[in-house]
Protein backbone atom coordinates (compact mmCIF):
# COMPACT_ATOMS: atom_id res chain seq x y z
CA MET A 1 -2.35 79.22 6.94
CA MET A 2 1.39 79.75 7.23
CA ALA A 3 3.69 76.95 6.15
CA GLU A 4 6.49 76.15 8.59
CA LEU A 5 9.98 76.03 7.09
CA LEU A 6 12.06 73.31 8.75
CA HIS A 7 15.64 72.29 8.05
CA THR A 8 16.49 69.36 10.34
CA GLY A 9 15.11 65.92 11.00
CA ARG A 10 14.78 66.75 14.67
CA GLU A 11 12.57 69.77 13.91
CA LEU A 12 10.52 67.69 11.51
CA ARG A 13 9.96 64.83 13.95
CA LYS A 14 8.90 67.24 16.69
CA ARG A 15 6.43 69.00 14.41
CA LEU A 16 4.97 65.77 13.02
CA ALA A 17 4.55 64.28 16.50
CA ALA A 18 2.04 67.04 17.22
CA SER A 19 0.03 66.47 14.04
CA ASP A 20 -3.19 64.51 13.63
CA GLY A 21 -5.05 63.05 10.68
CA GLU A 22 -3.59 61.66 7.48
CA ARG A 23 -0.11 62.73 6.49
CA GLY A 24 0.83 63.41 2.89
CA VAL A 25 4.11 64.37 1.23
CA VAL A 26 5.09 65.99 -2.06
CA MET A 27 8.80 65.51 -2.78
CA THR A 28 10.53 68.12 -4.95
CA MET A 29 13.95 69.45 -5.84
CA GLY A 30 12.65 73.01 -5.57
CA ALA A 31 12.23 75.61 -8.31
CA LEU A 32 8.53 75.02 -7.82
CA HIS A 33 5.99 75.82 -10.53
CA ARG A 34 2.30 75.26 -11.26
CA GLY A 35 2.90 71.54 -11.75
CA HIS A 36 4.17 71.23 -8.19
CA ALA A 37 1.27 73.37 -6.99
CA ALA A 38 -1.13 70.87 -8.55
CA LEU A 39 0.51 68.07 -6.54
CA ILE A 40 0.27 70.06 -3.32
CA ARG A 41 -3.37 70.96 -3.94
CA ALA A 42 -4.17 67.30 -4.62
CA ALA A 43 -2.53 66.37 -1.33
CA ARG A 44 -4.38 69.08 0.57
CA GLU A 45 -7.72 67.98 -0.85
CA ARG A 46 -7.09 64.32 -0.03
CA VAL A 47 -5.90 64.69 3.58
CA GLY A 48 -8.38 67.45 4.40
CA ALA A 49 -8.14 70.24 6.93
CA ALA A 50 -7.27 67.81 9.73
CA GLY A 51 -4.35 66.27 7.86
CA THR A 52 -0.78 67.44 7.31
CA VAL A 53 0.87 68.18 3.96
CA VAL A 54 4.68 68.16 3.88
CA VAL A 55 6.58 69.50 0.87
CA THR A 56 10.24 68.55 0.66
CA VAL A 57 12.74 70.78 -1.16
CA PHE A 58 16.05 69.00 -1.66
CA VAL A 59 18.39 69.01 -4.65
CA ASN A 60 19.57 65.41 -4.42
CA PRO A 61 23.18 65.04 -5.61
CA LEU A 62 22.85 61.26 -5.98
CA GLN A 63 20.55 61.54 -8.98
CA PHE A 64 22.85 63.80 -11.01
CA GLY A 65 25.42 62.12 -13.20
CA PRO A 66 28.80 63.47 -14.41
CA GLY A 67 28.34 66.56 -16.54
CA GLU A 68 24.72 67.09 -15.48
CA ASP A 69 23.39 70.36 -14.12
CA LEU A 70 23.67 69.91 -10.33
CA ASP A 71 25.51 73.20 -9.80
CA ARG A 72 23.28 75.23 -12.10
CA TYR A 73 20.02 73.64 -10.92
CA PRO A 74 17.93 76.59 -9.66
CA ARG A 75 17.65 77.15 -5.93
CA THR A 76 14.67 79.40 -5.16
CA LEU A 77 13.70 78.51 -1.59
CA ASP A 78 11.91 81.74 -0.65
CA ALA A 79 9.70 81.54 -3.73
CA ASP A 80 9.22 77.79 -3.16
CA VAL A 81 7.93 78.34 0.37
CA GLU A 82 5.55 81.03 -0.89
CA LEU A 83 4.15 78.77 -3.62
CA ALA A 84 3.87 75.75 -1.34
CA GLU A 85 2.06 77.79 1.28
CA ALA A 86 -0.39 79.22 -1.25
CA ALA A 87 -1.13 75.70 -2.55
CA GLY A 88 -1.92 74.38 0.94
CA ALA A 89 1.28 72.99 2.46
CA ASP A 90 1.65 72.89 6.24
CA ILE A 91 5.38 72.18 6.30
CA VAL A 92 8.25 72.82 3.90
CA PHE A 93 11.19 70.57 4.79
CA ALA A 94 14.37 71.91 3.18
CA PRO A 95 17.33 70.01 4.64
CA ALA A 96 20.99 70.51 3.83
CA VAL A 97 22.91 67.74 2.09
CA GLU A 98 24.67 66.99 5.40
CA GLU A 99 21.30 66.45 7.06
CA VAL A 100 20.11 63.91 4.48
CA TYR A 101 23.50 62.21 4.10
CA PRO A 102 25.14 62.70 7.52
CA GLY A 103 27.92 60.21 6.83
CA GLY A 104 28.85 61.79 3.52
CA GLU A 105 28.14 60.03 0.25
CA PRO A 106 26.17 56.93 1.29
CA GLN A 107 27.89 53.58 1.01
CA VAL A 108 24.56 51.74 1.15
CA ARG A 109 21.99 52.65 -1.50
CA ILE A 110 18.77 51.27 -2.89
CA ALA A 111 19.11 49.79 -6.37
CA ALA A 112 16.24 50.45 -8.75
CA GLY A 113 16.84 47.14 -10.52
CA PRO A 114 15.99 46.41 -14.17
CA MET A 115 13.17 48.99 -14.28
CA GLY A 116 15.73 51.66 -13.47
CA GLU A 117 18.19 50.62 -16.18
CA ARG A 118 15.97 51.31 -19.22
CA TYR A 119 15.20 54.56 -21.06
CA GLU A 120 16.02 57.32 -18.54
CA GLY A 121 18.18 54.87 -16.62
CA ALA A 122 20.15 53.96 -19.74
CA SER A 123 20.70 57.63 -20.57
CA ARG A 124 21.51 58.53 -16.96
CA PRO A 125 23.20 55.52 -15.30
CA GLY A 126 22.61 55.38 -11.56
CA HIS A 127 19.93 58.09 -11.67
CA PHE A 128 17.12 55.93 -10.33
CA ASP A 129 19.32 54.42 -7.64
CA GLY A 130 19.78 57.99 -6.40
CA VAL A 131 16.05 58.67 -6.66
CA CYS A 132 15.11 55.51 -4.75
CA THR A 133 17.68 56.15 -2.04
CA VAL A 134 16.51 59.70 -1.29
CA VAL A 135 12.81 58.84 -1.57
CA ALA A 136 13.27 55.94 0.85
CA LYS A 137 15.10 58.21 3.31
CA LEU A 138 12.38 60.88 3.12
CA LEU A 139 9.63 58.29 3.51
CA HIS A 140 11.45 57.04 6.60
CA LEU A 141 11.77 60.55 8.04
CA ILE A 142 8.20 61.68 7.30
CA ARG A 143 6.29 58.39 7.53
CA PRO A 144 3.44 59.60 5.32
CA ASP A 145 0.21 57.79 4.57
CA LEU A 146 0.33 59.05 0.98
CA ALA A 147 2.93 60.51 -1.40
CA TRP A 148 2.18 62.42 -4.61
CA PHE A 149 4.36 62.36 -7.74
CA GLY A 150 3.80 63.85 -11.19
CA GLU A 151 3.03 61.65 -14.18
CA LYS A 152 5.44 63.71 -16.31
CA ASP A 153 8.25 61.66 -14.76
CA ALA A 154 6.50 58.42 -15.72
CA GLN A 155 9.44 56.09 -15.17
CA GLN A 156 10.23 57.66 -11.81
CA LEU A 157 6.61 57.15 -10.76
CA ALA A 158 6.68 53.51 -11.86
CA VAL A 159 9.99 52.80 -10.09
CA ILE A 160 8.85 54.44 -6.84
CA ARG A 161 5.58 52.52 -6.89
CA ARG A 162 7.49 49.28 -7.36
CA MET A 163 9.94 50.16 -4.58
CA ALA A 164 7.07 50.85 -2.17
CA VAL A 165 5.60 47.42 -2.94
CA ASP A 166 8.87 45.48 -2.95
CA LEU A 167 10.18 47.05 0.28
CA ASN A 168 6.83 47.10 2.10
CA PHE A 169 6.61 50.85 2.63
CA PRO A 170 3.19 51.51 4.20
CA VAL A 171 2.41 54.40 1.85
CA GLU A 172 0.06 54.94 -1.08
CA ILE A 173 1.86 56.40 -4.10
CA VAL A 174 -0.46 58.76 -6.01
CA GLY A 175 0.18 59.94 -9.57
CA VAL A 176 -1.03 63.37 -10.70
CA PRO A 177 -1.52 64.23 -14.43
CA THR A 178 1.04 66.43 -16.16
CA VAL A 179 0.39 70.16 -16.10
CA ARG A 180 1.06 71.90 -19.42
CA GLU A 181 1.56 75.44 -20.63
CA SER A 182 -0.87 76.97 -23.15
CA ASP A 183 1.43 75.76 -25.98
CA GLN A 184 1.24 72.18 -24.54
CA VAL A 185 4.87 72.12 -23.35
CA ALA A 186 4.99 70.16 -20.08
CA LEU A 187 5.86 72.32 -17.10
CA SER A 188 9.41 71.67 -15.92
CA SER A 189 11.98 73.51 -13.83
CA ARG A 190 14.38 73.08 -16.75
CA ASN A 191 12.15 75.04 -19.17
CA ARG A 192 13.75 78.22 -17.85
CA TYR A 193 16.98 77.21 -19.59
CA LEU A 194 15.33 77.43 -23.03
CA SER A 195 15.82 80.49 -25.21
CA ALA A 196 12.82 81.89 -27.07
CA VAL A 197 13.67 80.03 -30.28
CA GLU A 198 14.50 76.82 -28.39
CA ARG A 199 11.10 77.01 -26.71
CA ILE A 200 9.46 76.94 -30.15
CA SER A 201 11.37 73.76 -31.04
CA ALA A 202 10.52 72.23 -27.64
CA ARG A 203 6.84 72.32 -28.57
CA GLU A 204 7.50 69.50 -31.03
CA LEU A 205 7.90 66.99 -28.18
CA SER A 206 4.33 67.35 -26.99
CA ARG A 207 3.08 67.64 -30.58
CA ALA A 208 4.73 64.31 -31.40
CA LEU A 209 3.12 62.66 -28.38
CA LEU A 210 -0.33 64.03 -29.09
CA THR A 211 -0.03 63.09 -32.77
CA GLY A 212 0.98 59.58 -31.73
CA ALA A 213 -1.92 59.33 -29.27
CA ALA A 214 -4.37 60.37 -31.99
CA ALA A 215 -3.19 57.37 -34.04
CA ALA A 216 -4.07 54.90 -31.26
CA PRO A 217 -7.04 53.34 -33.14
CA GLY A 218 -4.45 51.97 -35.58
CA GLY A 219 -2.58 50.16 -32.81
CA PRO A 220 0.90 50.53 -31.28
CA ALA A 221 2.79 50.47 -34.58
CA ALA A 222 0.69 53.35 -35.91
CA VAL A 223 1.32 55.35 -32.74
CA ARG A 224 5.08 54.92 -33.09
CA ARG A 225 5.06 55.89 -36.79
CA ALA A 226 2.98 59.02 -36.25
CA ALA A 227 5.08 60.30 -33.36
CA ARG A 228 8.35 59.47 -35.08
CA ALA A 229 7.34 61.44 -38.20
CA VAL A 230 6.91 64.61 -36.15
CA LEU A 231 10.26 64.14 -34.40
CA ASP A 232 12.07 63.36 -37.65
CA ALA A 233 10.87 66.70 -39.01
CA ALA A 234 11.82 68.45 -35.76
CA ALA A 235 15.36 67.10 -36.09
CA GLU A 236 15.72 69.31 -39.18
CA ALA A 237 14.45 72.44 -37.43
CA ALA A 238 16.59 75.31 -36.21
CA PRO A 239 17.41 74.73 -33.43
CA PRO A 240 16.98 70.98 -33.90
CA VAL A 241 15.29 68.55 -31.54
CA VAL A 242 17.97 65.92 -30.87
CA LEU A 243 16.17 62.72 -29.93
CA ASP A 244 17.39 60.54 -27.10
CA TYR A 245 14.55 58.04 -27.23
CA LEU A 246 10.94 57.63 -28.27
CA ALA A 247 9.29 54.57 -26.73
CA LEU A 248 5.86 53.06 -26.29
CA ILE A 249 6.07 51.43 -22.89
CA ASP A 250 4.15 48.90 -20.85
CA PRO A 251 3.83 50.73 -17.49
CA ALA A 252 3.73 47.48 -15.52
CA ASP A 253 7.46 46.81 -15.98
CA PHE A 254 8.66 49.65 -18.24
CA THR A 255 9.52 47.44 -21.18
CA GLU A 256 8.68 48.20 -24.81
CA ALA A 257 5.02 47.47 -25.54
CA ALA A 258 4.39 44.75 -28.12
CA ASP A 259 2.58 45.51 -31.37
CA ASP A 260 -0.43 43.58 -30.06
CA HIS A 261 -0.40 45.33 -26.67
CA THR A 262 -3.77 45.99 -25.06
CA GLY A 263 -4.63 48.14 -22.06
CA GLU A 264 -2.63 51.14 -20.87
CA ALA A 265 0.67 52.20 -22.40
CA VAL A 266 2.96 55.22 -21.98
CA LEU A 267 4.30 57.00 -25.06
CA ALA A 268 7.47 58.65 -23.76
CA VAL A 269 10.09 60.92 -25.30
CA ALA A 270 13.40 62.41 -24.22
CA ALA A 271 15.33 64.89 -26.32
CA ARG A 272 17.72 67.82 -26.18
CA VAL A 273 16.91 71.27 -27.43
CA GLY A 274 20.09 73.28 -27.29
CA ALA A 275 21.79 72.32 -24.02
CA THR A 276 18.53 71.45 -22.26
CA ARG A 277 17.32 67.87 -21.92
CA LEU A 278 13.53 67.51 -21.75
CA ILE A 279 11.21 64.57 -21.12
CA ASP A 280 7.49 64.18 -21.66
CA ASN A 281 4.88 61.44 -22.06
CA VAL A 282 1.22 60.73 -22.65
CA ARG A 283 -0.87 57.78 -21.52
CA ILE A 284 -2.71 55.80 -24.17
CA HIS A 285 -5.29 53.03 -23.82
CA PHE A 286 -5.41 50.34 -26.49
C-alpha cells in the first residue's frame, strides 16, 4: 500500500471524504524512528484494513521556546514517508507553517492550564500551550476517531487527554509504551545530537528510572532515593548528566505523588547531556 503525501487542508479533506471505517491519527514532528513506527502499527491494527491511518509531519514553531532547537530540528520528509508507509499509514499530511497558521502567529491559542505549567512546562514556558493549539487544529482538520501518542512524553499525553475531555473532542486518546534501544535509552529524534561519549552518559537516565522502579516495594520515598542516587553519581561523570528534574508524579493531575500514594505513578526525569536535553519516564504501580 502506498501512502499518499498531502500538503494542504483542501487535499486532506478531499481524501478523507472518500474514506470509510474508523479514522486514526499519529501526530509527529518528523524525523521518524522505530518509536513512531510502533504508534503507526498500533493505529493500523486498531482501525483495520477498512480504516484510515493519517500521520502528520509538522515541526510546530509554537512549542519551541527562545534558544531551543527549532532551526536545527531535523527535517527528513522523504525518509519519514517511507517509514510511515512501511508501518501502515495511508496518508502522510505534511503542511507548511502557512497552511497550519494561515493568519501568521495565532492570536488565539489554547492554554494548557496548571497541568501545563509544571515540570516540562516550568522548564519550557508556553510549550504545552503550543502543543495543545496545534493538536486541536489537527484534530479539527482530520476529525479522527482515535489518536495515538507515545508514553515517553508522559506530560504531553496527560495534557492532551485532559484537553480532549475538557473541550469535548470526540476522539479517544491512546497511549503507546515507550520504545527503547538495546541499551535502554528511550528512542528520540534528539538522540542523533549525542556524541558517542554523551550517549554513554545518557544511559544513566533510564538506569535511574529502572533502579527507582525496582525500589517500588519500599514505597514512593524509596523510589525517589534510589533514582536520585544514580543521577547524583551521573552528575560526576564525564560528560556529566545535568539534571533538570526528577519527579514521582500522580498522572491524574501531574502533581508530585505523596509518600503514601497508591495506584499508578509516573517516575519522570529531564536532563541535559552536553547540549542535548532528554526526557524519559517509567510507570510504577504502588
